[in-house]
Amino acid sequence: MFALLRRHALAALVAGGLPFLAQAAPAAPGHFAEQQLRHIATYFPGRMSGTPAELMTADYLQQQFTRLGYQSNTRQFNTGYDWLEKRGETRRHKVTATSVIAARAGSVPQEILIVTHLDTWTPLSRHEADNNLGGLRLQGVDDNASGLGVMLELAQQLSNAPLHYGVRFVALSAGEMGLHGMDDYLARMSAQEKKNTLLVIDLNSLIVGDRLYFNSGINTPSAVRKQTSARALQIAHRYGISAASHAMTPRDYPGVNPFDKAGIPLLDVTAANWALGNKDGQQQRARTAHFPDGAVRHQTERDNLTYLDRWLPGRITQRTRDSVKILQPLLTELTNPTL
């Protein structure tokens, strides 16, 4: 269960229903997020963990956070994956991955953590490589330049805002390697840092899915659910944005979130369609001639700007705008519950 300090902080977080704060809307919500998404996808394709493209992406992200006034640094860690040869032989590949951390303190030690993964899919077999799954040409627009772009706009919006609870933005590597980036981050957190983390917001694949989902973690207390996932849906309804929430289970894609497993409240933000396929969130949309798998994750020939702009015209603009229009006021409320 939560430590006493977290219980007190959560009580303050949810007390009084957190009334909606009227904010002066930016001239074009989502515009900066879309610019960043397109820049990252264009100039940093093949962001596989441990590659030069990943290092360049990490350096770019750190520069952006620093320019916005955040204390920012990179963190390296060792991980790896098993490569399957055509003959059935398995070979272990070791890599050094790089994550980016940016933070701004509030008036109290507690903080909200916003995470997303910066890496693209690493082929795990000769078969995957031959079938254009991952690799050096994968732009990873949906998975996951979308999460990075929205994260950067949220950081921009909060860069000069008053903060009662601090914010920490973390672009994690090795997200495509069994969520090892989350595992590494959690392993380095002290007991006090875990107690002071009121909420983790995970941004992943925000473009291709039929609608945005705001899902609470399996272990997230009901009081926090009301002020995170339920509140996000209220804000979406206010703006006429189609959004939903799904009751998470261990069978949902891509598995139990490590922060959730550690007992830290979680808000998982993604675009999918839980009514399709195995009803686990892996299928993003109906299967069609242009989206035969009902998803584009890891597909070099589909998860790119040219393909998505052609077959989902206007979707990138719409989803970056909608994501920011919901998350920015939500974060404003959560970081300043007493205002």
C-alpha atoms as a PDB file:
ATOM      1  CA  MET A   1       0.000   0.000   0.000  1.00  0.00           C
ATOM      2  CA  PHE A   2       0.979   3.614  -0.305  1.00  0.00           C
ATOM      3  CA  ALA A   3       3.192   5.156   2.319  1.00  0.00           C
ATOM      4  CA  LEU A   4       1.703   7.772   4.621  1.00  0.00           C
ATOM      5  CA  LEU A   5       3.359  10.633   2.746  1.00  0.00           C
ATOM      6  CA  ARG A   6       1.816   9.580  -0.553  1.00  0.00           C
ATOM      7  CA  ARG A   7      -1.606   9.135   1.032  1.00  0.00           C
ATOM      8  CA  HIS A   8      -1.460  12.690   2.348  1.00  0.00           C
ATOM      9  CA  ALA A   9      -0.336  14.025  -1.014  1.00  0.00           C
ATOM     10  CA  LEU A  10      -2.992  12.066  -2.904  1.00  0.00           C
ATOM     11  CA  ALA A  11      -5.633  13.320  -0.515  1.00  0.00           C
ATOM     12  CA  ALA A  12      -4.647  16.872  -1.385  1.00  0.00           C
ATOM     13  CA  LEU A  13      -4.573  15.951  -5.064  1.00  0.00           C
ATOM     14  CA  VAL A  14      -8.149  14.723  -5.136  1.00  0.00           C
ATOM     15  CA  ALA A  15      -9.693  16.961  -2.495  1.00  0.00           C
ATOM     16  CA  GLY A  16     -12.516  19.189  -3.586  1.00  0.00           C
ATOM     17  CA  GLY A  17     -12.964  17.695  -7.036  1.00  0.00           C
ATOM     18  CA  LEU A  18     -10.161  19.764  -8.606  1.00  0.00           C
ATOM     19  CA  PRO A  19     -12.328  22.390 -10.339  1.00  0.00           C
ATOM     20  CA  PHE A  20     -11.543  23.077 -13.979  1.00  0.00           C
ATOM     21  CA  LEU A  21      -9.171  26.011 -14.393  1.00  0.00           C
ATOM     22  CA  ALA A  22     -10.014  28.373 -17.216  1.00  0.00           C
ATOM     23  CA  GLN A  23      -6.820  28.898 -19.213  1.00  0.00           C
ATOM     24  CA  ALA A  24      -6.078  31.189 -22.105  1.00  0.00           C
ATOM     25  CA  ALA A  25      -5.946  28.709 -24.965  1.00  0.00           C
ATOM     26  CA  PRO A  26      -2.791  28.786 -27.094  1.00  0.00           C
ATOM     27  CA  ALA A  27      -3.200  30.101 -30.631  1.00  0.00           C
ATOM     28  CA  ALA A  28      -2.925  26.605 -32.070  1.00  0.00           C
ATOM     29  CA  PRO A  29      -2.943  23.767 -29.507  1.00  0.00           C
ATOM     30  CA  GLY A  30      -0.977  20.826 -30.827  1.00  0.00           C
ATOM     31  CA  HIS A  31       0.919  22.891 -33.415  1.00  0.00           C
ATOM     32  CA  PHE A  32       4.243  22.684 -31.575  1.00  0.00           C
ATOM     33  CA  ALA A  33       3.649  18.963 -30.890  1.00  0.00           C
ATOM     34  CA  GLU A  34       3.039  18.317 -34.591  1.00  0.00           C
ATOM     35  CA  GLN A  35       6.135  20.293 -35.575  1.00  0.00           C
ATOM     36  CA  GLN A  36       8.237  18.237 -33.173  1.00  0.00           C
ATOM     37  CA  LEU A  37       6.668  14.942 -34.303  1.00  0.00           C
ATOM     38  CA  ARG A  38       7.413  15.698 -37.945  1.00  0.00           C
ATOM     39  CA  HIS A  39      10.948  16.886 -37.187  1.00  0.00           C
ATOM     40  CA  ILE A  40      11.824  13.817 -35.119  1.00  0.00           C
ATOM     41  CA  ALA A  41      10.305  11.389 -37.643  1.00  0.00           C
ATOM     42  CA  THR A  42      12.065  13.088 -40.567  1.00  0.00           C
ATOM     43  CA  TYR A  43      15.523  13.643 -39.130  1.00  0.00           C
ATOM     44  CA  PHE A  44      15.829  10.754 -36.672  1.00  0.00           C
ATOM     45  CA  PRO A  45      14.442   7.588 -38.287  1.00  0.00           C
ATOM     46  CA  GLY A  46      15.696   4.235 -37.018  1.00  0.00           C
ATOM     47  CA  ARG A  47      15.862   5.366 -33.381  1.00  0.00           C
ATOM     48  CA  MET A  48      16.718   1.846 -32.227  1.00  0.00           C
ATOM     49  CA  SER A  49      18.182   1.514 -28.745  1.00  0.00           C
ATOM     50  CA  GLY A  50      21.949   1.775 -28.737  1.00  0.00           C
ATOM     51  CA  THR A  51      22.254   3.252 -32.237  1.00  0.00           C
ATOM     52  CA  PRO A  52      23.666   6.621 -33.376  1.00  0.00           C
ATOM     53  CA  ALA A  53      20.122   7.693 -34.333  1.00  0.00           C
ATOM     54  CA  GLU A  54      18.969   7.121 -30.772  1.00  0.00           C
ATOM     55  CA  LEU A  55      21.899   9.138 -29.387  1.00  0.00           C
ATOM     56  CA  MET A  56      21.146  12.006 -31.769  1.00  0.00           C
ATOM     57  CA  THR A  57      17.475  11.895 -30.772  1.00  0.00           C
ATOM     58  CA  ALA A  58      18.398  11.973 -27.089  1.00  0.00           C
ATOM     59  CA  ASP A  59      20.725  14.932 -27.680  1.00  0.00           C
ATOM     60  CA  TYR A  60      17.992  16.778 -29.586  1.00  0.00           C
ATOM     61  CA  LEU A  61      15.431  16.177 -26.852  1.00  0.00           C
ATOM     62  CA  GLN A  62      17.821  17.352 -24.153  1.00  0.00           C
ATOM     63  CA  GLN A  63      18.481  20.542 -26.118  1.00  0.00           C
ATOM     64  CA  GLN A  64      14.739  21.162 -26.441  1.00  0.00           C
ATOM     65  CA  PHE A  65      14.116  20.669 -22.722  1.00  0.00           C
ATOM     66  CA  THR A  66      17.049  22.900 -21.809  1.00  0.00           C
ATOM     67  CA  ARG A  67      15.806  25.607 -24.187  1.00  0.00           C
ATOM     68  CA  LEU A  68      12.450  25.461 -22.402  1.00  0.00           C
ATOM     69  CA  GLY A  69      14.170  26.107 -19.078  1.00  0.00           C
ATOM     70  CA  TYR A  70      14.223  22.605 -17.585  1.00  0.00           C
ATOM     71  CA  GLN A  71      17.064  20.944 -15.735  1.00  0.00           C
ATOM     72  CA  SER A  72      17.834  18.131 -18.160  1.00  0.00           C
ATOM     73  CA  ASN A  73      20.296  15.278 -18.520  1.00  0.00           C
ATOM     74  CA  THR A  74      20.730  11.947 -20.273  1.00  0.00           C
ATOM     75  CA  ARG A  75      21.059   8.557 -18.602  1.00  0.00           C
ATOM     76  CA  GLN A  76      22.641   5.486 -20.142  1.00  0.00           C
ATOM     77  CA  PHE A  77      21.999   1.880 -19.186  1.00  0.00           C
ATOM     78  CA  ASN A  78      22.843  -1.575 -20.497  1.00  0.00           C
ATOM     79  CA  THR A  79      20.195  -3.786 -22.043  1.00  0.00           C
ATOM     80  CA  GLY A  80      19.882  -6.167 -24.959  1.00  0.00           C
ATOM     81  CA  TYR A  81      17.765  -8.455 -27.106  1.00  0.00           C
ATOM     82  CA  ASP A  82      17.849 -11.930 -28.651  1.00  0.00           C
ATOM     83  CA  TRP A  83      18.364 -12.124 -32.417  1.00  0.00           C
ATOM     84  CA  LEU A  84      16.880 -15.188 -34.141  1.00  0.00           C
ATOM     85  CA  GLU A  85      18.736 -16.472 -37.198  1.00  0.00           C
ATOM     86  CA  LYS A  86      16.998 -18.285 -40.052  1.00  0.00           C
ATOM     87  CA  ARG A  87      18.514 -21.574 -38.910  1.00  0.00           C
ATOM     88  CA  GLY A  88      16.860 -21.157 -35.514  1.00  0.00           C
ATOM     89  CA  GLU A  89      19.995 -20.069 -33.689  1.00  0.00           C
ATOM     90  CA  THR A  90      19.613 -17.312 -31.086  1.00  0.00           C
ATOM     91  CA  ARG A  91      22.295 -14.732 -30.536  1.00  0.00           C
ATOM     92  CA  ARG A  92      22.308 -12.197 -27.706  1.00  0.00           C
ATOM     93  CA  HIS A  93      22.922  -8.582 -28.702  1.00  0.00           C
ATOM     94  CA  LYS A  94      23.989  -6.193 -25.964  1.00  0.00           C
ATOM     95  CA  VAL A  95      23.322  -2.463 -26.344  1.00  0.00           C
ATOM     96  CA  THR A  96      23.793   0.705 -24.324  1.00  0.00           C
ATOM     97  CA  ALA A  97      20.562   2.678 -24.373  1.00  0.00           C
ATOM     98  CA  THR A  98      20.087   6.378 -23.597  1.00  0.00           C
ATOM     99  CA  SER A  99      17.105   8.029 -21.890  1.00  0.00           C
ATOM    100  CA  VAL A 100      16.455  11.754 -21.389  1.00  0.00           C
ATOM    101  CA  ILE A 101      15.192  13.309 -18.149  1.00  0.00           C
ATOM    102  CA  ALA A 102      13.948  16.876 -17.636  1.00  0.00           C
ATOM    103  CA  ALA A 103      12.456  18.259 -14.440  1.00  0.00           C
ATOM    104  CA  ARG A 104      11.029  21.368 -12.873  1.00  0.00           C
ATOM    105  CA  ALA A 105      10.464  21.434  -9.122  1.00  0.00           C
ATOM    106  CA  GLY A 106       7.257  22.540  -7.471  1.00  0.00           C
ATOM    107  CA  SER A 107       6.749  24.105  -4.068  1.00  0.00           C
ATOM    108  CA  VAL A 108       6.569  20.651  -2.428  1.00  0.00           C
ATOM    109  CA  PRO A 109       8.685  17.524  -3.030  1.00  0.00           C
ATOM    110  CA  GLN A 110       5.915  15.502  -4.693  1.00  0.00           C
ATOM    111  CA  GLU A 111       5.816  15.398  -8.480  1.00  0.00           C
ATOM    112  CA  ILE A 112       4.023  14.059 -11.528  1.00  0.00           C
ATOM    113  CA  LEU A 113       5.995  11.978 -14.005  1.00  0.00           C
ATOM    114  CA  ILE A 114       5.241  12.158 -17.747  1.00  0.00           C
ATOM    115  CA  VAL A 115       6.936   9.360 -19.699  1.00  0.00           C
ATOM    116  CA  THR A 116       7.120   8.151 -23.281  1.00  0.00           C
ATOM    117  CA  HIS A 117       9.526   5.928 -25.176  1.00  0.00           C
ATOM    118  CA  LEU A 118      11.902   7.465 -27.695  1.00  0.00           C
ATOM    119  CA  ASP A 119      13.129   4.306 -29.438  1.00  0.00           C
ATOM    120  CA  THR A 120      11.726   2.619 -32.541  1.00  0.00           C
ATOM    121  CA  TRP A 121      11.393  -1.106 -33.105  1.00  0.00           C
ATOM    122  CA  THR A 122      14.568  -3.174 -33.353  1.00  0.00           C
ATOM    123  CA  PRO A 123      14.169  -6.223 -35.639  1.00  0.00           C
ATOM    124  CA  LEU A 124      14.492  -9.407 -33.604  1.00  0.00           C
ATOM    125  CA  SER A 125      15.046 -11.836 -36.470  1.00  0.00           C
ATOM    126  CA  ARG A 126      16.187 -12.076 -40.067  1.00  0.00           C
ATOM    127  CA  HIS A 127      12.528 -12.656 -40.961  1.00  0.00           C
ATOM    128  CA  GLU A 128      11.485  -9.325 -39.382  1.00  0.00           C
ATOM    129  CA  ALA A 129      14.332  -7.463 -41.069  1.00  0.00           C
ATOM    130  CA  ASP A 130      13.474  -8.943 -44.469  1.00  0.00           C
ATOM    131  CA  ASN A 131       9.821  -7.924 -43.981  1.00  0.00           C
ATOM    132  CA  ASN A 132      10.573  -4.276 -43.142  1.00  0.00           C
ATOM    133  CA  LEU A 133       9.667  -4.517 -39.460  1.00  0.00           C
ATOM    134  CA  GLY A 134      11.772  -1.888 -37.705  1.00  0.00           C
ATOM    135  CA  GLY A 135      15.235  -0.975 -38.834  1.00  0.00           C
ATOM    136  CA  LEU A 136      17.086   2.121 -39.972  1.00  0.00           C
ATOM    137  CA  ARG A 137      14.310   3.480 -42.235  1.00  0.00           C
ATOM    138  CA  LEU A 138      11.446   3.264 -39.723  1.00  0.00           C
ATOM    139  CA  GLN A 139      10.259   6.816 -38.985  1.00  0.00           C
ATOM    140  CA  GLY A 140       8.017   5.663 -36.138  1.00  0.00           C
ATOM    141  CA  VAL A 141       5.490   8.495 -36.513  1.00  0.00           C
ATOM    142  CA  ASP A 142       2.738   6.833 -34.499  1.00  0.00           C
ATOM    143  CA  ASP A 143       5.130   4.688 -32.458  1.00  0.00           C
ATOM    144  CA  ASN A 144       6.375   6.904 -30.987  1.00  0.00           C
ATOM    145  CA  ALA A 145       7.284  10.315 -32.364  1.00  0.00           C
ATOM    146  CA  SER A 146       3.677  11.148 -31.455  1.00  0.00           C
ATOM    147  CA  GLY A 147       4.354  10.672 -27.745  1.00  0.00           C
ATOM    148  CA  LEU A 148       7.561  12.695 -27.963  1.00  0.00           C
ATOM    149  CA  GLY A 149       5.878  15.594 -29.780  1.00  0.00           C
ATOM    150  CA  VAL A 150       3.011  15.821 -27.307  1.00  0.00           C
ATOM    151  CA  MET A 151       5.436  15.539 -24.387  1.00  0.00           C
ATOM    152  CA  LEU A 152       7.478  18.482 -25.689  1.00  0.00           C
ATOM    153  CA  GLU A 153       4.412  20.695 -26.102  1.00  0.00           C
ATOM    154  CA  LEU A 154       3.246  19.823 -22.580  1.00  0.00           C
ATOM    155  CA  ALA A 155       6.716  20.742 -21.328  1.00  0.00           C
ATOM    156  CA  GLN A 156       6.467  24.029 -23.247  1.00  0.00           C
ATOM    157  CA  GLN A 157       3.076  24.827 -21.720  1.00  0.00           C
ATOM    158  CA  LEU A 158       4.295  24.081 -18.186  1.00  0.00           C
ATOM    159  CA  SER A 159       7.690  25.751 -18.521  1.00  0.00           C
ATOM    160  CA  ASN A 160       6.566  29.020 -16.922  1.00  0.00           C
ATOM    161  CA  ALA A 161       3.408  27.910 -15.130  1.00  0.00           C
ATOM    162  CA  PRO A 162       3.196  27.948 -11.317  1.00  0.00           C
ATOM    163  CA  LEU A 163       3.719  24.476  -9.892  1.00  0.00           C
ATOM    164  CA  HIS A 164       2.616  23.148  -6.529  1.00  0.00           C
ATOM    165  CA  TYR A 165       3.631  19.629  -7.511  1.00  0.00           C
ATOM    166  CA  GLY A 166       6.715  19.359  -9.684  1.00  0.00           C
ATOM    167  CA  VAL A 167       6.833  17.781 -13.136  1.00  0.00           C
ATOM    168  CA  ARG A 168       9.378  15.372 -14.550  1.00  0.00           C
ATOM    169  CA  PHE A 169       9.462  14.471 -18.240  1.00  0.00           C
ATOM    170  CA  VAL A 170      11.248  11.241 -19.135  1.00  0.00           C
ATOM    171  CA  ALA A 171      11.864  10.029 -22.694  1.00  0.00           C
ATOM    172  CA  LEU A 172      12.821   6.421 -22.098  1.00  0.00           C
ATOM    173  CA  SER A 173      14.847   4.200 -24.357  1.00  0.00           C
ATOM    174  CA  ALA A 174      14.353   0.424 -24.647  1.00  0.00           C
ATOM    175  CA  GLY A 175      10.587   0.824 -24.613  1.00  0.00           C
ATOM    176  CA  GLU A 176      10.531  -1.571 -27.560  1.00  0.00           C
ATOM    177  CA  MET A 177      12.688  -4.053 -25.654  1.00  0.00           C
ATOM    178  CA  GLY A 178      10.191  -5.363 -23.146  1.00  0.00           C
ATOM    179  CA  LEU A 179       9.785  -1.958 -21.454  1.00  0.00           C
ATOM    180  CA  HIS A 180      13.339  -2.258 -20.100  1.00  0.00           C
ATOM    181  CA  GLY A 181      13.657   1.522 -20.014  1.00  0.00           C
ATOM    182  CA  MET A 182      10.879   1.694 -17.432  1.00  0.00           C
ATOM    183  CA  ASP A 183      12.477  -1.146 -15.496  1.00  0.00           C
ATOM    184  CA  ASP A 184      15.795   0.707 -15.420  1.00  0.00           C
ATOM    185  CA  TYR A 185      14.187   3.971 -14.330  1.00  0.00           C
ATOM    186  CA  LEU A 186      12.263   2.275 -11.532  1.00  0.00           C
ATOM    187  CA  ALA A 187      15.345   0.389 -10.356  1.00  0.00           C
ATOM    188  CA  ARG A 188      17.188   3.684  -9.891  1.00  0.00           C
ATOM    189  CA  MET A 189      14.386   5.389  -7.970  1.00  0.00           C
ATOM    190  CA  SER A 190      14.895   5.611  -4.232  1.00  0.00           C
ATOM    191  CA  ALA A 191      12.105   4.653  -1.867  1.00  0.00           C
ATOM    192  CA  GLN A 192      11.528   8.362  -1.177  1.00  0.00           C
ATOM    193  CA  GLU A 193      11.339   9.201  -4.890  1.00  0.00           C
ATOM    194  CA  LYS A 194       8.715   6.492  -5.371  1.00  0.00           C
ATOM    195  CA  LYS A 195       6.713   7.885  -2.461  1.00  0.00           C
ATOM    196  CA  ASN A 196       6.919  11.372  -3.935  1.00  0.00           C
ATOM    197  CA  THR A 197       5.693  10.266  -7.376  1.00  0.00           C
ATOM    198  CA  LEU A 198       1.971  10.977  -7.275  1.00  0.00           C
ATOM    199  CA  LEU A 199       1.169   9.885 -10.817  1.00  0.00           C
ATOM    200  CA  VAL A 200       2.803   8.554 -13.987  1.00  0.00           C
ATOM    201  CA  ILE A 201       1.317   9.587 -17.351  1.00  0.00           C
ATOM    202  CA  ASP A 202       2.493   7.297 -20.171  1.00  0.00           C
ATOM    203  CA  LEU A 203       2.104   8.601 -23.761  1.00  0.00           C
ATOM    204  CA  ASN A 204       2.272   6.046 -26.548  1.00  0.00           C
ATOM    205  CA  SER A 205       1.046   5.730 -30.170  1.00  0.00           C
ATOM    206  CA  LEU A 206      -1.423   8.613 -30.339  1.00  0.00           C
ATOM    207  CA  ILE A 207      -2.189   8.888 -34.072  1.00  0.00           C
ATOM    208  CA  VAL A 208      -3.466   5.796 -35.896  1.00  0.00           C
ATOM    209  CA  GLY A 209      -5.976   4.339 -33.423  1.00  0.00           C
ATOM    210  CA  ASP A 210      -9.687   5.043 -33.826  1.00  0.00           C
ATOM    211  CA  ARG A 211      -9.921   7.077 -30.622  1.00  0.00           C
ATOM    212  CA  LEU A 212      -7.863   8.310 -27.714  1.00  0.00           C
ATOM    213  CA  TYR A 213      -7.978   6.183 -24.570  1.00  0.00           C
ATOM    214  CA  PHE A 214      -7.205   7.412 -21.055  1.00  0.00           C
ATOM    215  CA  ASN A 215      -6.746   4.245 -19.023  1.00  0.00           C
ATOM    216  CA  SER A 216      -5.932   4.057 -15.342  1.00  0.00           C
ATOM    217  CA  GLY A 217      -3.476   1.452 -14.107  1.00  0.00           C
ATOM    218  CA  ILE A 218      -4.728  -1.779 -12.590  1.00  0.00           C
ATOM    219  CA  ASN A 219      -3.542  -0.708  -9.133  1.00  0.00           C
ATOM    220  CA  THR A 220      -4.514   2.966  -9.351  1.00  0.00           C
ATOM    221  CA  PRO A 221      -6.846   4.017  -6.475  1.00  0.00           C
ATOM    222  CA  SER A 222     -10.404   4.924  -7.454  1.00  0.00           C
ATOM    223  CA  ALA A 223     -10.020   8.469  -6.094  1.00  0.00           C
ATOM    224  CA  VAL A 224      -7.087   9.069  -8.445  1.00  0.00           C
ATOM    225  CA  ARG A 225      -8.971   7.479 -11.349  1.00  0.00           C
ATOM    226  CA  LYS A 226     -11.726  10.067 -10.912  1.00  0.00           C
ATOM    227  CA  GLN A 227      -9.255  12.933 -11.139  1.00  0.00           C
ATOM    228  CA  THR A 228      -7.184  11.495 -14.012  1.00  0.00           C
ATOM    229  CA  SER A 229      -8.859   9.139 -16.496  1.00  0.00           C
ATOM    230  CA  ALA A 230     -12.424  10.229 -15.663  1.00  0.00           C
ATOM    231  CA  ARG A 231     -11.418  13.903 -15.632  1.00  0.00           C
ATOM    232  CA  ALA A 232      -9.673  13.507 -19.002  1.00  0.00           C
ATOM    233  CA  LEU A 233     -12.925  12.223 -20.498  1.00  0.00           C
ATOM    234  CA  GLN A 234     -14.811  15.193 -19.038  1.00  0.00           C
ATOM    235  CA  ILE A 235     -12.363  17.591 -20.687  1.00  0.00           C
ATOM    236  CA  ALA A 236     -12.592  15.669 -23.972  1.00  0.00           C
ATOM    237  CA  HIS A 237     -16.397  15.927 -23.864  1.00  0.00           C
ATOM    238  CA  ARG A 238     -16.108  19.672 -23.218  1.00  0.00           C
ATOM    239  CA  TYR A 239     -14.201  20.034 -26.487  1.00  0.00           C
ATOM    240  CA  GLY A 240     -16.267  17.504 -28.460  1.00  0.00           C
ATOM    241  CA  ILE A 241     -13.321  15.101 -28.729  1.00  0.00           C
ATOM    242  CA  SER A 242     -14.000  11.372 -29.066  1.00  0.00           C
ATOM    243  CA  ALA A 243     -12.242   9.628 -26.193  1.00  0.00           C
ATOM    244  CA  ALA A 244     -12.751   6.531 -24.052  1.00  0.00           C
ATOM    245  CA  SER A 245     -11.415   4.666 -21.046  1.00  0.00           C
ATOM    246  CA  HIS A 246     -10.759   0.952 -20.683  1.00  0.00           C
ATOM    247  CA  ALA A 247     -10.477  -1.049 -17.471  1.00  0.00           C
ATOM    248  CA  MET A 248      -6.941  -2.383 -17.777  1.00  0.00           C
ATOM    249  CA  THR A 249      -6.120  -6.067 -17.204  1.00  0.00           C
ATOM    250  CA  PRO A 250      -2.820  -8.009 -17.304  1.00  0.00           C
ATOM    251  CA  ARG A 251      -3.658  -9.284 -20.808  1.00  0.00           C
ATOM    252  CA  ASP A 252      -3.802  -5.813 -22.355  1.00  0.00           C
ATOM    253  CA  TYR A 253      -1.155  -4.747 -24.856  1.00  0.00           C
ATOM    254  CA  PRO A 254       1.794  -4.418 -24.259  1.00  0.00           C
ATOM    255  CA  GLY A 255       1.571  -6.026 -20.809  1.00  0.00           C
ATOM    256  CA  VAL A 256       1.520  -4.745 -17.252  1.00  0.00           C
ATOM    257  CA  ASN A 257       3.198  -1.356 -17.004  1.00  0.00           C
ATOM    258  CA  PRO A 258       6.182  -1.554 -14.588  1.00  0.00           C
ATOM    259  CA  PHE A 259       5.118   1.645 -12.786  1.00  0.00           C
ATOM    260  CA  ASP A 260       1.659   0.158 -12.284  1.00  0.00           C
ATOM    261  CA  LYS A 261       3.198  -3.074 -11.022  1.00  0.00           C
ATOM    262  CA  ALA A 262       5.254  -1.047  -8.537  1.00  0.00           C
ATOM    263  CA  GLY A 263       2.059   0.479  -7.124  1.00  0.00           C
ATOM    264  CA  ILE A 264       2.541   3.981  -8.544  1.00  0.00           C
ATOM    265  CA  PRO A 265      -0.711   5.501  -9.883  1.00  0.00           C
ATOM    266  CA  LEU A 266      -0.787   5.382 -13.678  1.00  0.00           C
ATOM    267  CA  LEU A 267      -2.633   7.116 -16.510  1.00  0.00           C
ATOM    268  CA  ASP A 268      -1.957   5.326 -19.796  1.00  0.00           C
ATOM    269  CA  VAL A 269      -2.712   7.477 -22.867  1.00  0.00           C
ATOM    270  CA  THR A 270      -2.880   5.817 -26.286  1.00  0.00           C
ATOM    271  CA  ALA A 271      -4.999   5.597 -29.429  1.00  0.00           C
ATOM    272  CA  ALA A 272      -6.506   2.220 -30.253  1.00  0.00           C
ATOM    273  CA  ASN A 273      -9.803   0.350 -30.436  1.00  0.00           C
ATOM    274  CA  TRP A 274     -10.439  -2.108 -27.615  1.00  0.00           C
ATOM    275  CA  ALA A 275     -13.591  -3.365 -29.363  1.00  0.00           C
ATOM    276  CA  LEU A 276     -11.562  -4.963 -32.172  1.00  0.00           C
ATOM    277  CA  GLY A 277      -9.399  -8.062 -32.513  1.00  0.00           C
ATOM    278  CA  ASN A 278      -8.499  -9.700 -29.220  1.00  0.00           C
ATOM    279  CA  LYS A 279      -9.978  -6.700 -27.397  1.00  0.00           C
ATOM    280  CA  ASP A 280      -6.607  -6.047 -25.756  1.00  0.00           C
ATOM    281  CA  GLY A 281      -5.774  -2.696 -27.379  1.00  0.00           C
ATOM    282  CA  GLN A 282      -3.234  -4.097 -29.799  1.00  0.00           C
ATOM    283  CA  GLN A 283      -5.460  -3.524 -32.838  1.00  0.00           C
ATOM    284  CA  GLN A 284      -5.667   0.184 -33.508  1.00  0.00           C
ATOM    285  CA  ARG A 285      -8.339   0.341 -36.222  1.00  0.00           C
ATOM    286  CA  ALA A 286     -10.393  -1.836 -38.575  1.00  0.00           C
ATOM    287  CA  ARG A 287      -8.473  -3.942 -41.089  1.00  0.00           C
ATOM    288  CA  THR A 288      -8.581  -2.388 -44.562  1.00  0.00           C
ATOM    289  CA  ALA A 289      -6.565  -2.590 -47.761  1.00  0.00           C
ATOM    290  CA  HIS A 290      -4.290   0.210 -46.534  1.00  0.00           C
ATOM    291  CA  PHE A 291      -4.129  -1.074 -42.955  1.00  0.00           C
ATOM    292  CA  PRO A 292      -4.267  -4.863 -43.391  1.00  0.00           C
ATOM    293  CA  ASP A 293      -3.161  -5.579 -39.823  1.00  0.00           C
ATOM    294  CA  GLY A 294      -5.382  -2.908 -38.297  1.00  0.00           C
ATOM    295  CA  ALA A 295      -2.172  -1.364 -36.925  1.00  0.00           C
ATOM    296  CA  VAL A 296       1.055   0.206 -38.164  1.00  0.00           C
ATOM    297  CA  ARG A 297       3.410  -0.452 -35.253  1.00  0.00           C
ATOM    298  CA  HIS A 298       6.910  -1.473 -36.366  1.00  0.00           C
ATOM    299  CA  GLN A 299       5.928  -1.350 -40.081  1.00  0.00           C
ATOM    300  CA  THR A 300       8.515   0.677 -41.969  1.00  0.00           C
ATOM    301  CA  GLU A 301       6.346   1.075 -45.082  1.00  0.00           C
ATOM    302  CA  ARG A 302       3.320   2.378 -43.119  1.00  0.00           C
ATOM    303  CA  ASP A 303       4.420   4.152 -39.935  1.00  0.00           C
ATOM    304  CA  ASN A 304       5.846   7.114 -41.814  1.00  0.00           C
ATOM    305  CA  LEU A 305       4.722  10.635 -42.670  1.00  0.00           C
ATOM    306  CA  THR A 306       4.111  10.057 -46.379  1.00  0.00           C
ATOM    307  CA  TYR A 307       1.865   7.037 -45.827  1.00  0.00           C
ATOM    308  CA  LEU A 308      -0.136   8.411 -42.912  1.00  0.00           C
ATOM    309  CA  ASP A 309      -0.637  11.825 -44.513  1.00  0.00           C
ATOM    310  CA  ARG A 310      -1.946  10.075 -47.639  1.00  0.00           C
ATOM    311  CA  TRP A 311      -4.247   7.497 -46.095  1.00  0.00           C
ATOM    312  CA  LEU A 312      -5.205   9.320 -42.898  1.00  0.00           C
ATOM    313  CA  PRO A 313      -5.210  12.940 -44.149  1.00  0.00           C
ATOM    314  CA  GLY A 314      -5.349  15.481 -41.353  1.00  0.00           C
ATOM    315  CA  ARG A 315      -5.073  12.836 -38.639  1.00  0.00           C
ATOM    316  CA  ILE A 316      -1.674  13.921 -37.324  1.00  0.00           C
ATOM    317  CA  THR A 317      -2.885  17.494 -36.892  1.00  0.00           C
ATOM    318  CA  GLN A 318      -6.130  16.351 -35.286  1.00  0.00           C
ATOM    319  CA  ARG A 319      -4.553  13.971 -32.781  1.00  0.00           C
ATOM    320  CA  THR A 320      -1.727  16.220 -31.658  1.00  0.00           C
ATOM    321  CA  ARG A 321      -4.286  18.990 -31.166  1.00  0.00           C
ATOM    322  CA  ASP A 322      -6.751  16.776 -29.295  1.00  0.00           C
ATOM    323  CA  SER A 323      -4.067  15.224 -27.093  1.00  0.00           C
ATOM    324  CA  VAL A 324      -2.776  18.626 -26.013  1.00  0.00           C
ATOM    325  CA  LYS A 325      -6.262  20.106 -25.568  1.00  0.00           C
ATOM    326  CA  ILE A 326      -7.059  17.351 -23.056  1.00  0.00           C
ATOM    327  CA  LEU A 327      -3.727  16.827 -21.321  1.00  0.00           C
ATOM    328  CA  GLN A 328      -2.636  20.442 -20.889  1.00  0.00           C
ATOM    329  CA  PRO A 329      -5.612  21.522 -18.735  1.00  0.00           C
ATOM    330  CA  LEU A 330      -5.533  18.176 -16.938  1.00  0.00           C
ATOM    331  CA  LEU A 331      -1.881  18.686 -15.991  1.00  0.00           C
ATOM    332  CA  THR A 332      -2.575  22.271 -14.979  1.00  0.00           C
ATOM    333  CA  GLU A 333      -5.198  21.014 -12.548  1.00  0.00           C
ATOM    334  CA  LEU A 334      -3.069  18.174 -11.235  1.00  0.00           C
ATOM    335  CA  THR A 335       0.036  20.260 -10.639  1.00  0.00           C
ATOM    336  CA  ASN A 336      -1.916  23.015  -8.906  1.00  0.00           C
ATOM    337  CA  PRO A 337      -4.857  21.385  -7.073  1.00  0.00           C
ATOM    338  CA  THR A 338      -5.185  24.195  -4.530  1.00  0.00           C
ATOM    339  CA  LEU A 339      -5.666  27.041  -7.029  1.00  0.00           C
END
